[in-house]
Amino acid sequence: MTTSPGKYLRSVFHLGSGEALGRVANVAIVMLLGHRFGVVVLGIYSLGTTLSAYMQPAIDFGLKHIGARLVAQFPASSADIVRRVQRRRAVMATVALPLIAIYAGFTSLPLDMKVFLFVFAGIAALYAASLEWVAWGKEQLWLVGWSKAVVPISILMFLAAGSLHGQSIFRWAIAGNAAGYILQSILFWIWWRRHRTDEEGTAEDRDAIRDALAWRRTSVMGLAWFSNLAFVSVDMLMLGLLANAEQVGLYSAAYRVLNQVLVTYYLFVNALYPRFAQHSLKQRLAMLRVHILLPLFGVGVAVAALVTVFRRPVLTVLFGQGFVASAPLLLVLACAIPVDFLVSYLSSAYIAWSMERHMLKCALLAAGTDVVLNLYGIPRYGAMAAAVNTVISYLVYLAALSFVARRVSRAGDTLPQTA
């Protein structure tokens, strides 16, 4: 089945418009916290959001992608699929909560901030009640996209109210987070009650669903997602354990600028995913040629140069004068931009080419390198060590992905040669 360019672009818009609004709300949150409350408060909040981000892959652990696919393949069995998946997600959320408590307890923070971390991140366990994955499987992309804006907008509204009343900003962040997750779940359940079907699929369908949801099938996807997240954000978690809140805040500001710069490129890469999935072996080889990879690297260098030149005014405008100290961190992190352009391109291609296990190995190697280097560097050099180690781990990731490319090349060598 093929998709027209117009329909594909509409789907991208439906999915991306709400996410874009959510990103605007997130930027507004960090601007409010940075300008009004300073480095330490922004650092604690950023650590809380990073910890919350780990709850989603822990709860899903491959179930989101596989469940959505099953809903699309077996619509008559949707109710049965929802029961099975939601039961597993609830169990995973219960298992994840003690791990969040252990992490918060080991951070080098005052007791009240440890409590904030646990409560704020623990609220993300409510994600287990969300039926976002069902709507995604049924191609309700507008609903899925705009639902991503609910939580950040809720937090922003509560923080704005709290800053006006001069009360504890952390309590308002917790209230906004809880209200956002509850509202998000309610919206999806209302949609589900209106669209669910109580039909029963065939015995063959039930067997196929049970086999697809087996642990051995979902764990590879879950580990791949988790390891990729670890590669991206383990620096923040380790700074929370091995450094103080000021170091976390400074690093968070620099990394947020880097992340916002890369968002547009990620959309470009994601848009190429369907085309990657249709490639023959010969076409795969063509996509790995130097004449494609070198321009990507060159564009990344140009973007990195812009970030480097304007790093101080950008940090000042976004977060306030107190965050100028993040400029050296952003200078180092900018070196990762051209490498990331290649890493993201190759990662998307390999996943589309059904090379998930190879991707998992590469992500684990890069994340492991980052962790080992941070264990040595952060206690001695703080956030600067995290920045330098991020660049090094990106280079390790790229080297591993390049090694995997040899597998594609070797397969291409077996193709019949034509004159």
Protein backbone atom coordinates (compact mmCIF):
# COMPACT_ATOMS: atom_id res chain seq x y z
CA MET A 1 0.00 0.00 0.00
CA THR A 2 1.38 3.42 -0.96
CA THR A 3 0.66 6.80 0.59
CA SER A 4 0.29 9.94 -1.48
CA PRO A 5 2.67 12.81 -0.66
CA GLY A 6 -0.27 15.02 0.28
CA LYS A 7 -1.68 12.50 2.75
CA TYR A 8 1.76 11.88 4.20
CA LEU A 9 2.38 15.60 4.72
CA ARG A 10 -1.02 15.97 6.39
CA SER A 11 -0.15 13.12 8.74
CA VAL A 12 3.17 14.76 9.57
CA PHE A 13 1.38 18.05 10.26
CA HIS A 14 -1.24 16.40 12.47
CA LEU A 15 1.41 14.62 14.48
CA GLY A 16 3.89 17.49 14.57
CA SER A 17 1.66 20.49 15.23
CA GLY A 18 0.71 19.44 18.74
CA GLU A 19 4.25 18.36 19.51
CA ALA A 20 5.51 21.76 18.33
CA LEU A 21 3.07 23.47 20.70
CA GLY A 22 4.31 21.24 23.50
CA ARG A 23 7.91 22.22 22.74
CA VAL A 24 6.97 25.91 22.80
CA ALA A 25 5.40 25.35 26.23
CA ASN A 26 8.53 23.58 27.44
CA VAL A 27 10.72 26.45 26.25
CA ALA A 28 8.40 28.90 28.02
CA ILE A 29 8.72 26.85 31.23
CA VAL A 30 12.52 26.91 31.26
CA MET A 31 12.55 30.61 30.36
CA LEU A 32 10.23 31.34 33.29
CA LEU A 33 12.26 29.26 35.73
CA GLY A 34 15.61 30.52 34.46
CA HIS A 35 14.75 34.22 34.51
CA ARG A 36 12.63 34.19 37.67
CA PHE A 37 14.26 31.58 39.90
CA GLY A 38 17.80 31.00 38.61
CA VAL A 39 20.20 28.17 37.93
CA VAL A 40 19.48 25.86 40.88
CA VAL A 41 15.71 25.76 40.43
CA LEU A 42 16.04 25.14 36.70
CA GLY A 43 18.54 22.38 37.42
CA ILE A 44 16.21 20.59 39.84
CA TYR A 45 13.25 20.91 37.48
CA SER A 46 15.31 19.65 34.52
CA LEU A 47 16.45 16.67 36.56
CA GLY A 48 12.83 15.93 37.41
CA THR A 49 11.73 16.04 33.77
CA THR A 50 14.67 13.85 32.74
CA LEU A 51 13.71 11.30 35.39
CA SER A 52 10.09 11.46 34.21
CA ALA A 53 11.23 10.78 30.65
CA TYR A 54 12.61 7.41 31.77
CA MET A 55 9.20 6.35 33.07
CA GLN A 56 7.70 6.11 29.59
CA PRO A 57 10.11 3.56 28.09
CA ALA A 58 10.09 1.70 31.41
CA ILE A 59 6.29 1.46 31.32
CA ASP A 60 6.03 0.69 27.61
CA PHE A 61 9.16 -1.42 27.17
CA GLY A 62 8.26 -2.10 23.56
CA LEU A 63 4.51 -2.33 24.14
CA LYS A 64 3.71 1.04 22.56
CA HIS A 65 5.07 0.15 19.13
CA ILE A 66 3.94 -3.46 19.14
CA GLY A 67 0.52 -2.66 20.62
CA ALA A 68 -0.12 0.05 18.03
CA ARG A 69 0.85 -2.35 15.27
CA LEU A 70 -1.49 -5.05 16.61
CA VAL A 71 -4.40 -2.61 16.84
CA ALA A 72 -3.83 -1.71 13.19
CA GLN A 73 -3.55 -5.37 12.13
CA PHE A 74 -6.42 -6.80 14.22
CA PRO A 75 -9.01 -4.02 14.69
CA ALA A 76 -11.71 -6.53 15.66
CA SER A 77 -9.57 -7.58 18.64
CA SER A 78 -8.78 -4.06 19.82
CA ALA A 79 -10.53 -4.48 23.18
CA ASP A 80 -8.59 -7.66 23.92
CA ILE A 81 -5.30 -6.01 22.90
CA VAL A 82 -6.00 -3.01 25.14
CA ARG A 83 -6.70 -5.24 28.14
CA ARG A 84 -3.49 -7.22 27.67
CA VAL A 85 -1.24 -4.23 27.05
CA GLN A 86 -2.68 -2.01 29.79
CA ARG A 87 -2.34 -4.81 32.35
CA ARG A 88 1.36 -5.16 31.51
CA ARG A 89 1.89 -1.39 31.53
CA ALA A 90 0.38 -1.11 35.02
CA VAL A 91 2.76 -3.79 36.30
CA MET A 92 5.77 -2.05 34.72
CA ALA A 93 4.76 1.29 36.29
CA THR A 94 4.59 -0.36 39.70
CA VAL A 95 8.07 -1.83 39.21
CA ALA A 96 9.51 1.51 38.04
CA LEU A 97 8.38 3.56 41.04
CA PRO A 98 10.83 2.03 43.58
CA LEU A 99 13.67 2.59 41.10
CA ILE A 100 12.74 6.29 40.93
CA ALA A 101 12.76 6.43 44.73
CA ILE A 102 16.20 4.80 44.89
CA TYR A 103 17.65 7.28 42.39
CA ALA A 104 16.15 10.28 44.21
CA GLY A 105 17.52 8.99 47.50
CA PHE A 106 21.06 8.77 46.16
CA THR A 107 21.19 12.24 44.60
CA SER A 108 23.43 14.83 46.24
CA LEU A 109 20.49 17.12 47.02
CA PRO A 110 18.68 18.37 50.14
CA LEU A 111 15.80 16.22 51.41
CA ASP A 112 13.02 18.49 50.13
CA MET A 113 14.48 18.40 46.62
CA LYS A 114 14.80 14.61 46.76
CA VAL A 115 11.12 14.43 47.67
CA PHE A 116 10.28 16.71 44.75
CA LEU A 117 12.22 14.49 42.33
CA PHE A 118 10.43 11.34 43.48
CA VAL A 119 6.94 12.86 43.52
CA PHE A 120 7.31 14.77 40.24
CA ALA A 121 8.80 11.80 38.35
CA GLY A 122 6.52 9.32 40.09
CA ILE A 123 3.49 11.17 38.73
CA ALA A 124 4.66 10.07 35.28
CA ALA A 125 3.49 6.58 36.29
CA LEU A 126 0.03 7.87 35.33
CA TYR A 127 1.25 7.48 31.76
CA ALA A 128 0.42 3.80 32.19
CA ALA A 129 -3.28 4.72 32.06
CA SER A 130 -2.95 6.59 28.76
CA LEU A 131 -4.27 5.05 25.55
CA GLU A 132 -2.08 7.16 23.29
CA TRP A 133 -0.68 4.02 21.69
CA VAL A 134 -4.20 2.86 20.69
CA ALA A 135 -4.97 6.16 18.98
CA TRP A 136 -1.61 5.95 17.23
CA GLY A 137 -2.39 2.45 15.96
CA LYS A 138 -5.76 3.66 14.65
CA GLU A 139 -4.03 6.57 12.87
CA GLN A 140 -5.66 9.26 15.00
CA LEU A 141 -2.52 11.33 14.57
CA TRP A 142 -4.15 14.66 15.29
CA LEU A 143 -5.27 13.39 18.71
CA VAL A 144 -1.87 11.85 19.42
CA GLY A 145 0.00 14.96 18.36
CA TRP A 146 -2.04 17.44 20.35
CA SER A 147 -2.09 15.20 23.42
CA LYS A 148 1.67 15.74 23.69
CA ALA A 149 1.04 19.39 24.49
CA VAL A 150 -1.34 18.73 27.40
CA VAL A 151 1.24 18.03 30.14
CA PRO A 152 3.70 20.88 29.36
CA ILE A 153 0.87 23.40 28.95
CA SER A 154 -0.61 22.29 32.27
CA ILE A 155 2.75 22.64 34.01
CA LEU A 156 3.30 26.06 32.44
CA MET A 157 -0.10 27.32 33.62
CA PHE A 158 0.44 26.10 37.17
CA LEU A 159 3.98 27.51 37.32
CA ALA A 160 2.79 30.87 36.04
CA ALA A 161 0.11 30.93 38.76
CA GLY A 162 2.63 29.89 41.42
CA SER A 163 5.14 32.56 40.41
CA LEU A 164 2.45 35.24 40.70
CA HIS A 165 1.43 34.08 44.18
CA GLY A 166 5.02 33.77 45.39
CA GLN A 167 4.50 30.25 46.73
CA SER A 168 6.70 27.15 46.47
CA ILE A 169 7.32 26.72 42.77
CA PHE A 170 8.04 23.00 43.18
CA ARG A 171 4.56 22.33 44.57
CA TRP A 172 3.00 24.09 41.61
CA ALA A 173 5.15 22.04 39.22
CA ILE A 174 3.92 18.84 40.88
CA ALA A 175 0.29 19.98 40.69
CA GLY A 176 0.62 20.94 37.02
CA ASN A 177 2.30 17.64 36.15
CA ALA A 178 -0.43 15.62 37.87
CA ALA A 179 -3.24 17.64 36.30
CA GLY A 180 -1.68 17.24 32.84
CA TYR A 181 -1.29 13.47 33.03
CA ILE A 182 -4.78 12.98 34.45
CA LEU A 183 -6.35 15.18 31.76
CA GLN A 184 -4.36 13.40 29.05
CA SER A 185 -5.58 9.98 30.21
CA ILE A 186 -9.19 11.18 30.49
CA LEU A 187 -9.16 12.52 26.93
CA PHE A 188 -7.93 9.21 25.51
CA TRP A 189 -10.39 7.14 27.53
CA ILE A 190 -13.31 9.32 26.38
CA TRP A 191 -12.15 8.82 22.80
CA TRP A 192 -11.78 5.07 23.37
CA ARG A 193 -15.29 4.66 24.86
CA ARG A 194 -16.72 6.27 21.73
CA HIS A 195 -14.72 4.20 19.25
CA ARG A 196 -14.13 0.86 20.92
CA THR A 197 -15.62 -2.33 19.51
CA ASP A 198 -16.44 -5.36 21.64
CA GLU A 199 -16.08 -7.81 18.80
CA GLU A 200 -13.97 -10.90 19.30
CA GLY A 201 -11.31 -11.88 16.83
CA THR A 202 -10.69 -15.37 15.58
CA ALA A 203 -8.70 -17.96 17.51
CA GLU A 204 -5.83 -17.46 15.06
CA ASP A 205 -5.88 -13.72 15.76
CA ARG A 206 -5.75 -14.30 19.52
CA ASP A 207 -2.80 -16.66 19.12
CA ALA A 208 -0.96 -14.13 16.96
CA ILE A 209 -1.62 -11.35 19.49
CA ARG A 210 -0.46 -13.47 22.41
CA ASP A 211 2.72 -14.42 20.56
CA ALA A 212 3.46 -10.80 19.55
CA LEU A 213 3.09 -9.63 23.15
CA ALA A 214 5.38 -12.32 24.55
CA TRP A 215 8.25 -10.94 26.59
CA ARG A 216 10.87 -12.28 24.19
CA ARG A 217 9.30 -10.26 21.37
CA THR A 218 8.79 -6.97 23.22
CA SER A 219 12.05 -6.88 25.17
CA VAL A 220 14.34 -6.16 22.20
CA MET A 221 12.31 -3.12 21.21
CA GLY A 222 12.11 -2.02 24.84
CA LEU A 223 15.85 -2.32 25.41
CA ALA A 224 16.61 -0.47 22.16
CA TRP A 225 14.37 2.45 23.15
CA PHE A 226 15.71 2.52 26.70
CA SER A 227 19.37 2.39 25.66
CA ASN A 228 18.87 5.17 23.12
CA LEU A 229 17.28 7.35 25.80
CA ALA A 230 20.16 6.53 28.14
CA PHE A 231 22.65 7.62 25.51
CA VAL A 232 20.85 10.95 25.10
CA SER A 233 20.17 11.85 28.74
CA VAL A 234 22.32 9.78 31.10
CA ASP A 235 24.58 12.82 31.62
CA MET A 236 21.80 14.66 33.45
CA LEU A 237 21.08 11.72 35.75
CA MET A 238 24.75 11.24 36.57
CA LEU A 239 25.21 14.95 37.28
CA GLY A 240 22.32 14.65 39.74
CA LEU A 241 24.19 11.87 41.53
CA LEU A 242 27.76 13.15 41.30
CA ALA A 243 27.48 16.97 41.19
CA ASN A 244 25.42 19.78 42.69
CA ALA A 245 22.21 21.39 41.46
CA GLU A 246 24.05 24.38 39.97
CA GLN A 247 26.08 22.12 37.69
CA VAL A 248 22.87 20.36 36.65
CA GLY A 249 21.23 23.69 35.85
CA LEU A 250 24.10 25.00 33.76
CA TYR A 251 24.39 21.77 31.79
CA SER A 252 20.62 21.61 31.30
CA ALA A 253 20.55 25.10 29.77
CA ALA A 254 23.32 24.28 27.30
CA TYR A 255 21.82 20.92 26.36
CA ARG A 256 18.35 22.37 25.85
CA VAL A 257 19.74 24.83 23.30
CA LEU A 258 21.47 21.96 21.52
CA ASN A 259 18.29 19.88 21.54
CA GLN A 260 16.14 22.67 20.11
CA VAL A 261 18.65 23.17 17.30
CA LEU A 262 18.40 19.49 16.35
CA VAL A 263 14.58 19.23 16.40
CA THR A 264 14.10 20.39 12.82
CA TYR A 265 16.71 17.95 11.56
CA TYR A 266 15.04 15.09 13.44
CA LEU A 267 11.77 15.88 11.66
CA PHE A 268 13.59 15.72 8.34
CA VAL A 269 15.09 12.33 9.18
CA ASN A 270 11.78 10.96 10.44
CA ALA A 271 10.12 12.06 7.22
CA LEU A 272 12.60 9.90 5.30
CA TYR A 273 11.76 6.79 7.34
CA PRO A 274 8.98 5.44 5.06
CA ARG A 275 11.25 5.78 2.03
CA PHE A 276 14.10 4.04 3.85
CA ALA A 277 11.76 1.13 4.64
CA GLN A 278 11.10 0.56 0.92
CA HIS A 279 14.74 0.44 -0.14
CA SER A 280 16.20 -2.55 -1.92
CA LEU A 281 19.72 -3.67 -1.02
CA LYS A 282 21.16 -1.72 -3.94
CA GLN A 283 19.33 1.42 -2.82
CA ARG A 284 20.62 0.94 0.72
CA LEU A 285 24.16 0.94 -0.58
CA ALA A 286 23.49 4.15 -2.47
CA MET A 287 22.22 5.85 0.70
CA LEU A 288 25.53 5.12 2.44
CA ARG A 289 27.71 6.76 -0.20
CA VAL A 290 30.06 9.61 0.64
CA HIS A 291 28.22 12.03 -1.68
CA ILE A 292 25.23 11.83 0.70
CA LEU A 293 26.99 11.59 4.07
CA LEU A 294 29.54 14.33 3.46
CA PRO A 295 26.96 17.10 2.71
CA LEU A 296 25.05 16.09 5.86
CA PHE A 297 28.22 16.50 7.88
CA GLY A 298 28.90 19.87 6.18
CA VAL A 299 25.44 21.19 7.07
CA GLY A 300 26.01 20.06 10.64
CA VAL A 301 29.30 21.97 10.75
CA ALA A 302 27.54 25.13 9.52
CA VAL A 303 24.82 24.78 12.18
CA ALA A 304 27.45 24.18 14.86
CA ALA A 305 29.25 27.33 13.76
CA LEU A 306 26.07 29.40 14.16
CA VAL A 307 25.45 27.98 17.63
CA THR A 308 29.04 28.75 18.59
CA VAL A 309 28.89 32.37 17.39
CA PHE A 310 25.53 33.19 19.02
CA ARG A 311 25.77 30.99 22.13
CA ARG A 312 26.03 33.84 24.64
CA PRO A 313 23.08 35.97 23.45
CA VAL A 314 20.91 32.86 23.00
CA LEU A 315 21.59 31.68 26.55
CA THR A 316 20.98 35.16 27.94
CA VAL A 317 17.68 35.64 26.11
CA LEU A 318 16.36 32.18 26.93
CA PHE A 319 17.45 31.77 30.53
CA GLY A 320 18.86 35.03 31.87
CA GLN A 321 22.23 36.62 32.57
CA GLY A 322 23.07 34.02 35.19
CA PHE A 323 23.35 31.33 32.53
CA VAL A 324 26.21 32.94 30.59
CA ALA A 325 28.38 30.47 32.50
CA SER A 326 26.80 27.75 30.30
CA ALA A 327 28.49 29.22 27.20
CA PRO A 328 31.65 27.06 27.45
CA LEU A 329 29.46 23.97 27.85
CA LEU A 330 27.43 24.89 24.77
CA LEU A 331 30.66 25.50 22.84
CA VAL A 332 31.77 21.91 23.55
CA LEU A 333 28.32 20.39 22.93
CA ALA A 334 28.10 22.17 19.57
CA CYS A 335 30.90 19.90 18.38
CA ALA A 336 28.44 17.01 18.59
CA ILE A 337 26.01 18.58 16.07
CA PRO A 338 27.70 17.45 12.82
CA VAL A 339 28.29 14.00 14.34
CA ASP A 340 24.65 13.81 15.39
CA PHE A 341 23.57 14.65 11.83
CA LEU A 342 25.26 11.44 10.68
CA VAL A 343 24.24 9.36 13.70
CA SER A 344 20.55 10.26 13.36
CA TYR A 345 20.58 9.60 9.62
CA LEU A 346 22.23 6.18 9.97
CA SER A 347 20.09 5.22 12.97
CA SER A 348 16.85 5.94 11.15
CA ALA A 349 18.04 4.02 8.11
CA TYR A 350 19.14 0.95 10.08
CA ILE A 351 15.85 0.74 12.00
CA ALA A 352 13.90 1.00 8.75
CA TRP A 353 16.09 -1.77 7.32
CA SER A 354 15.12 -4.12 10.21
CA MET A 355 18.55 -3.92 11.85
CA GLU A 356 17.24 -3.20 15.38
CA ARG A 357 19.57 -5.65 17.10
CA HIS A 358 22.61 -3.98 15.55
CA MET A 359 21.22 -0.60 16.61
CA LEU A 360 20.80 -1.87 20.16
CA LYS A 361 24.44 -2.96 20.30
CA CYS A 362 25.64 0.41 19.01
CA ALA A 363 23.47 2.37 21.46
CA LEU A 364 24.59 0.23 24.40
CA LEU A 365 28.24 0.72 23.48
CA ALA A 366 27.84 4.50 23.23
CA ALA A 367 25.79 4.77 26.43
CA GLY A 368 28.23 2.52 28.29
CA THR A 369 31.16 4.66 27.15
CA ASP A 370 29.37 7.78 28.36
CA VAL A 371 28.63 6.25 31.77
CA VAL A 372 32.21 5.04 32.34
CA LEU A 373 33.74 8.38 31.33
CA ASN A 374 31.25 10.31 33.48
CA LEU A 375 32.01 8.18 36.53
CA TYR A 376 35.59 9.40 36.29
CA GLY A 377 35.08 12.91 34.96
CA ILE A 378 32.02 14.41 36.67
CA PRO A 379 33.32 14.20 40.28
CA ARG A 380 36.48 16.02 39.15
CA TYR A 381 35.30 18.44 36.46
CA GLY A 382 31.52 18.67 36.86
CA ALA A 383 29.33 19.66 33.92
CA MET A 384 32.29 20.28 31.61
CA ALA A 385 33.21 16.60 31.86
CA ALA A 386 29.64 15.65 30.94
CA ALA A 387 29.82 17.91 27.86
CA VAL A 388 33.17 16.52 26.70
CA ASN A 389 32.04 12.93 27.32
CA THR A 390 28.88 13.55 25.30
CA VAL A 391 30.98 14.45 22.27
CA ILE A 392 33.23 11.42 22.79
CA SER A 393 30.27 9.06 23.10
CA TYR A 394 28.77 10.51 19.91
CA LEU A 395 32.02 9.67 18.12
CA VAL A 396 31.90 6.13 19.53
CA TYR A 397 28.28 5.82 18.37
CA LEU A 398 29.20 6.99 14.88
CA ALA A 399 32.16 4.59 14.71
CA ALA A 400 29.92 1.67 15.74
CA LEU A 401 27.26 2.61 13.19
CA SER A 402 29.94 2.89 10.51
CA PHE A 403 31.14 -0.60 11.38
CA VAL A 404 27.58 -1.89 10.97
CA ALA A 405 27.52 -0.27 7.52
CA ARG A 406 30.13 -2.83 6.50
CA ARG A 407 27.44 -5.49 6.92
CA VAL A 408 25.34 -3.75 4.28
CA SER A 409 28.39 -3.33 2.05
CA ARG A 410 29.35 -7.00 2.34
CA ALA A 411 25.82 -7.96 1.37
CA GLY A 412 26.10 -5.61 -1.59
CA ASP A 413 29.28 -7.32 -2.74
CA THR A 414 27.23 -10.44 -3.45
CA LEU A 415 25.03 -8.63 -5.96
CA PRO A 416 25.55 -9.57 -9.62
CA GLN A 417 27.92 -7.09 -11.28
CA THR A 418 26.70 -5.43 -14.46
CA ALA A 419 28.79 -3.89 -17.18
